[in-house]
């Protein structure tokens, strides 16, 4: 593994260490707000068409997956910024 990578373990750690609030809307949609240690928040959402099919546990699973997908993008962006700054810093030293 190279140092310039985001790992699944890191993404899961971010969510595992987050504070969260869960809200059910309309009896069929679960929204979970994850407040990361940095204070940044990520929302995970999961819903079904028929409220009779709603399962809180299944909703938690898919809402977390939604939050994980967002974090991959955000953490990738942060890493890209760090790498870009390293390249910029190297060029300025020349």
N, C-alpha and C. Protein backbone atom coordinates (compact mmCIF):
# COMPACT_ATOMS: atom_id res chain seq x y z
N UNK A 1 0.84 -1.18 0.00
CA UNK A 1 0.00 0.00 0.00
C UNK A 1 0.88 1.25 0.00
N UNK A 2 0.55 2.19 -0.84
CA UNK A 2 1.30 3.44 -0.88
C UNK A 2 0.71 4.43 0.11
N UNK A 3 1.49 5.44 0.44
CA UNK A 3 1.00 6.42 1.40
C UNK A 3 -0.03 7.36 0.79
N UNK A 4 -0.05 7.48 -0.52
CA UNK A 4 -0.98 8.38 -1.20
C UNK A 4 -2.25 7.65 -1.59
N UNK A 5 -2.95 7.15 -0.59
CA UNK A 5 -4.17 6.41 -0.86
C UNK A 5 -5.16 6.60 0.28
N UNK A 6 -6.41 6.39 -0.03
CA UNK A 6 -7.47 6.38 0.97
C UNK A 6 -7.87 4.92 1.14
N UNK A 7 -8.03 4.48 2.36
CA UNK A 7 -8.38 3.08 2.58
C UNK A 7 -9.82 2.95 3.09
N UNK A 8 -10.39 1.79 2.86
CA UNK A 8 -11.72 1.49 3.37
C UNK A 8 -11.72 1.57 4.90
N UNK A 9 -10.63 1.11 5.52
CA UNK A 9 -10.52 1.20 6.98
C UNK A 9 -10.60 2.64 7.46
N UNK A 10 -9.94 3.55 6.75
CA UNK A 10 -9.95 4.97 7.12
C UNK A 10 -11.36 5.55 7.00
N UNK A 11 -12.05 5.22 5.92
CA UNK A 11 -13.41 5.71 5.72
C UNK A 11 -14.32 5.20 6.85
N UNK A 12 -14.21 3.91 7.15
CA UNK A 12 -15.02 3.34 8.23
C UNK A 12 -14.68 3.94 9.58
N UNK A 13 -13.41 4.21 9.81
CA UNK A 13 -12.98 4.82 11.07
C UNK A 13 -13.61 6.20 11.23
N UNK A 14 -13.64 6.97 10.15
CA UNK A 14 -14.25 8.30 10.21
C UNK A 14 -15.70 8.22 10.66
N UNK A 15 -16.44 7.27 10.10
CA UNK A 15 -17.85 7.13 10.47
C UNK A 15 -18.02 6.51 11.85
N UNK A 16 -17.18 5.55 12.18
CA UNK A 16 -17.28 4.91 13.49
C UNK A 16 -17.03 5.90 14.63
N UNK A 17 -16.18 6.89 14.38
CA UNK A 17 -15.85 7.88 15.40
C UNK A 17 -16.79 9.09 15.39
N UNK A 18 -17.70 9.12 14.43
CA UNK A 18 -18.60 10.26 14.28
C UNK A 18 -19.76 10.19 15.28
N UNK A 19 -20.25 11.36 15.64
CA UNK A 19 -21.52 11.45 16.35
C UNK A 19 -22.61 11.37 15.28
N UNK A 20 -23.75 10.83 15.61
CA UNK A 20 -24.79 10.75 14.59
C UNK A 20 -26.16 11.02 15.16
N UNK A 21 -27.01 11.50 14.27
CA UNK A 21 -28.43 11.69 14.57
C UNK A 21 -29.21 11.04 13.44
N UNK A 22 -30.22 10.30 13.83
CA UNK A 22 -31.04 9.58 12.86
C UNK A 22 -32.47 10.11 12.91
N UNK A 23 -33.05 10.33 11.74
CA UNK A 23 -34.43 10.80 11.66
C UNK A 23 -35.14 10.03 10.56
N UNK A 24 -36.36 9.62 10.85
CA UNK A 24 -37.21 8.96 9.85
C UNK A 24 -38.23 9.97 9.38
N UNK A 25 -38.34 10.11 8.06
CA UNK A 25 -39.32 11.01 7.45
C UNK A 25 -40.37 10.19 6.73
N UNK A 26 -41.60 10.60 6.91
CA UNK A 26 -42.74 10.04 6.18
C UNK A 26 -42.90 8.53 6.38
N UNK A 27 -42.26 8.00 7.41
CA UNK A 27 -42.38 6.58 7.70
C UNK A 27 -41.68 5.68 6.71
N UNK A 28 -40.85 6.29 5.81
CA UNK A 28 -40.22 5.47 4.78
C UNK A 28 -38.80 5.92 4.39
N UNK A 29 -38.32 7.01 4.96
CA UNK A 29 -36.99 7.50 4.61
C UNK A 29 -36.19 7.74 5.89
N UNK A 30 -34.99 7.17 5.92
CA UNK A 30 -34.08 7.37 7.05
C UNK A 30 -32.95 8.29 6.59
N UNK A 31 -32.72 9.33 7.37
CA UNK A 31 -31.61 10.24 7.12
C UNK A 31 -30.73 10.21 8.37
N UNK A 32 -29.44 9.96 8.14
CA UNK A 32 -28.49 9.96 9.25
C UNK A 32 -27.47 11.05 8.99
N UNK A 33 -27.32 11.93 9.97
CA UNK A 33 -26.31 12.97 9.91
C UNK A 33 -25.12 12.50 10.74
N UNK A 34 -23.98 12.36 10.09
CA UNK A 34 -22.74 11.98 10.75
C UNK A 34 -21.91 13.25 10.96
N UNK A 35 -21.62 13.58 12.22
CA UNK A 35 -20.73 14.71 12.49
C UNK A 35 -19.34 14.14 12.76
N UNK A 36 -18.44 14.36 11.81
CA UNK A 36 -17.09 13.84 11.92
C UNK A 36 -16.32 14.58 13.01
N UNK A 37 -15.22 14.01 13.42
CA UNK A 37 -14.42 14.64 14.48
C UNK A 37 -13.98 16.05 14.11
N UNK A 38 -13.83 16.30 12.81
CA UNK A 38 -13.44 17.64 12.35
C UNK A 38 -14.58 18.65 12.48
N UNK A 39 -15.80 18.15 12.71
CA UNK A 39 -16.97 19.02 12.77
C UNK A 39 -17.76 19.03 11.47
N UNK A 40 -17.16 18.53 10.40
CA UNK A 40 -17.84 18.44 9.11
C UNK A 40 -18.95 17.41 9.20
N UNK A 41 -20.06 17.64 8.52
CA UNK A 41 -21.17 16.69 8.54
C UNK A 41 -21.39 16.07 7.17
N UNK A 42 -21.80 14.82 7.20
CA UNK A 42 -22.14 14.07 5.99
C UNK A 42 -23.50 13.43 6.24
N UNK A 43 -24.39 13.54 5.27
CA UNK A 43 -25.70 12.91 5.38
C UNK A 43 -25.74 11.62 4.60
N UNK A 44 -26.29 10.60 5.22
CA UNK A 44 -26.58 9.35 4.53
C UNK A 44 -28.08 9.18 4.47
N UNK A 45 -28.57 8.77 3.31
CA UNK A 45 -30.03 8.63 3.14
C UNK A 45 -30.36 7.27 2.58
N UNK A 46 -31.51 6.77 3.01
CA UNK A 46 -32.05 5.53 2.47
C UNK A 46 -33.57 5.62 2.56
N UNK A 47 -34.24 5.12 1.54
CA UNK A 47 -35.70 5.19 1.53
C UNK A 47 -36.27 4.02 0.74
N UNK A 48 -37.52 3.75 1.01
CA UNK A 48 -38.25 2.76 0.22
C UNK A 48 -39.52 3.44 -0.31
N UNK A 49 -40.17 2.81 -1.23
CA UNK A 49 -41.36 3.40 -1.85
C UNK A 49 -42.58 3.28 -0.92
N UNK A 50 -42.76 2.12 -0.34
CA UNK A 50 -43.93 1.85 0.49
C UNK A 50 -43.52 1.81 1.97
N UNK A 51 -44.10 2.68 2.80
CA UNK A 51 -43.76 2.67 4.22
C UNK A 51 -43.93 1.29 4.89
N UNK A 52 -44.80 0.47 4.36
CA UNK A 52 -44.99 -0.87 4.92
C UNK A 52 -43.74 -1.72 4.78
N UNK A 53 -42.86 -1.35 3.86
CA UNK A 53 -41.62 -2.09 3.63
C UNK A 53 -40.43 -1.51 4.40
N UNK A 54 -40.64 -0.42 5.12
CA UNK A 54 -39.53 0.25 5.78
C UNK A 54 -38.96 -0.61 6.91
N UNK A 55 -37.63 -0.71 6.91
CA UNK A 55 -36.91 -1.40 7.97
C UNK A 55 -35.81 -0.46 8.46
N UNK A 56 -35.85 -0.16 9.76
CA UNK A 56 -34.86 0.74 10.31
C UNK A 56 -33.44 0.19 10.13
N UNK A 57 -33.25 -1.09 10.39
CA UNK A 57 -31.92 -1.70 10.27
C UNK A 57 -31.42 -1.70 8.83
N UNK A 58 -32.27 -2.04 7.90
CA UNK A 58 -31.87 -2.00 6.49
C UNK A 58 -31.59 -0.56 6.08
N UNK A 59 -32.42 0.36 6.55
CA UNK A 59 -32.19 1.78 6.26
C UNK A 59 -30.85 2.24 6.77
N UNK A 60 -30.47 1.82 7.99
CA UNK A 60 -29.16 2.17 8.54
C UNK A 60 -28.04 1.67 7.64
N UNK A 61 -28.17 0.46 7.17
CA UNK A 61 -27.13 -0.13 6.31
C UNK A 61 -26.95 0.72 5.05
N UNK A 62 -28.05 1.04 4.38
CA UNK A 62 -27.94 1.77 3.12
C UNK A 62 -27.63 3.25 3.32
N UNK A 63 -28.08 3.84 4.42
CA UNK A 63 -27.72 5.23 4.70
C UNK A 63 -26.22 5.34 4.96
N UNK A 64 -25.66 4.35 5.67
CA UNK A 64 -24.22 4.37 5.91
C UNK A 64 -23.47 4.21 4.58
N UNK A 65 -23.93 3.30 3.73
CA UNK A 65 -23.30 3.14 2.42
C UNK A 65 -23.31 4.45 1.64
N UNK A 66 -24.41 5.18 1.74
CA UNK A 66 -24.50 6.48 1.07
C UNK A 66 -23.46 7.45 1.63
N UNK A 67 -23.31 7.47 2.94
CA UNK A 67 -22.31 8.33 3.57
C UNK A 67 -20.89 7.89 3.19
N UNK A 68 -20.65 6.59 3.14
CA UNK A 68 -19.34 6.06 2.74
C UNK A 68 -19.00 6.54 1.33
N UNK A 69 -19.96 6.44 0.41
CA UNK A 69 -19.71 6.89 -0.97
C UNK A 69 -19.33 8.36 -1.03
N UNK A 70 -19.97 9.17 -0.22
CA UNK A 70 -19.63 10.59 -0.20
C UNK A 70 -18.23 10.82 0.36
N UNK A 71 -17.90 10.07 1.43
CA UNK A 71 -16.59 10.25 2.06
C UNK A 71 -15.45 9.84 1.13
N UNK A 72 -15.65 8.81 0.32
CA UNK A 72 -14.60 8.43 -0.65
C UNK A 72 -14.25 9.64 -1.52
N UNK A 73 -15.26 10.33 -2.01
CA UNK A 73 -15.03 11.49 -2.88
C UNK A 73 -14.36 12.63 -2.11
N UNK A 74 -14.87 12.89 -0.91
CA UNK A 74 -14.32 14.00 -0.13
C UNK A 74 -12.89 13.73 0.31
N UNK A 75 -12.61 12.54 0.78
CA UNK A 75 -11.25 12.20 1.20
C UNK A 75 -10.29 12.17 0.00
N UNK A 76 -10.79 11.73 -1.14
CA UNK A 76 -9.98 11.76 -2.36
C UNK A 76 -9.63 13.19 -2.75
N UNK A 77 -10.59 14.07 -2.61
CA UNK A 77 -10.35 15.48 -2.93
C UNK A 77 -9.30 16.07 -1.99
N UNK A 78 -9.40 15.78 -0.71
CA UNK A 78 -8.42 16.29 0.26
C UNK A 78 -7.02 15.76 -0.06
N UNK A 79 -6.93 14.48 -0.37
CA UNK A 79 -5.64 13.90 -0.73
C UNK A 79 -5.08 14.55 -1.99
N UNK A 80 -5.95 14.77 -2.98
CA UNK A 80 -5.49 15.41 -4.22
C UNK A 80 -4.95 16.81 -3.95
N UNK A 81 -5.62 17.55 -3.06
CA UNK A 81 -5.13 18.88 -2.69
C UNK A 81 -3.75 18.80 -2.03
N UNK A 82 -3.59 17.85 -1.12
CA UNK A 82 -2.30 17.68 -0.46
C UNK A 82 -1.21 17.36 -1.48
N UNK A 83 -1.51 16.47 -2.41
CA UNK A 83 -0.52 16.10 -3.43
C UNK A 83 -0.23 17.27 -4.36
N UNK A 84 -1.24 18.03 -4.71
CA UNK A 84 -1.04 19.20 -5.57
C UNK A 84 -0.17 20.23 -4.87
N UNK A 85 -0.37 20.41 -3.59
CA UNK A 85 0.45 21.36 -2.84
C UNK A 85 1.89 20.89 -2.75
N UNK A 86 2.10 19.59 -2.63
CA UNK A 86 3.47 19.06 -2.62
C UNK A 86 4.17 19.36 -3.93
N UNK A 87 3.45 19.16 -5.03
CA UNK A 87 4.04 19.42 -6.35
C UNK A 87 4.33 20.91 -6.49
N UNK A 88 3.38 21.75 -6.07
CA UNK A 88 3.56 23.20 -6.14
C UNK A 88 4.75 23.62 -5.29
N UNK A 89 4.87 23.07 -4.09
CA UNK A 89 5.99 23.40 -3.20
C UNK A 89 7.32 23.01 -3.83
N UNK A 90 7.37 21.87 -4.49
CA UNK A 90 8.60 21.42 -5.15
C UNK A 90 9.00 22.37 -6.27
N UNK A 91 8.02 22.82 -7.02
CA UNK A 91 8.30 23.72 -8.14
C UNK A 91 8.80 25.07 -7.65
N UNK A 92 8.29 25.54 -6.52
CA UNK A 92 8.71 26.84 -6.00
C UNK A 92 10.13 26.80 -5.51
N UNK A 93 10.62 25.63 -5.07
CA UNK A 93 12.00 25.51 -4.59
C UNK A 93 13.01 25.54 -5.73
N UNK A 94 12.57 25.32 -6.94
CA UNK A 94 13.51 25.26 -8.08
C UNK A 94 14.04 26.61 -8.45
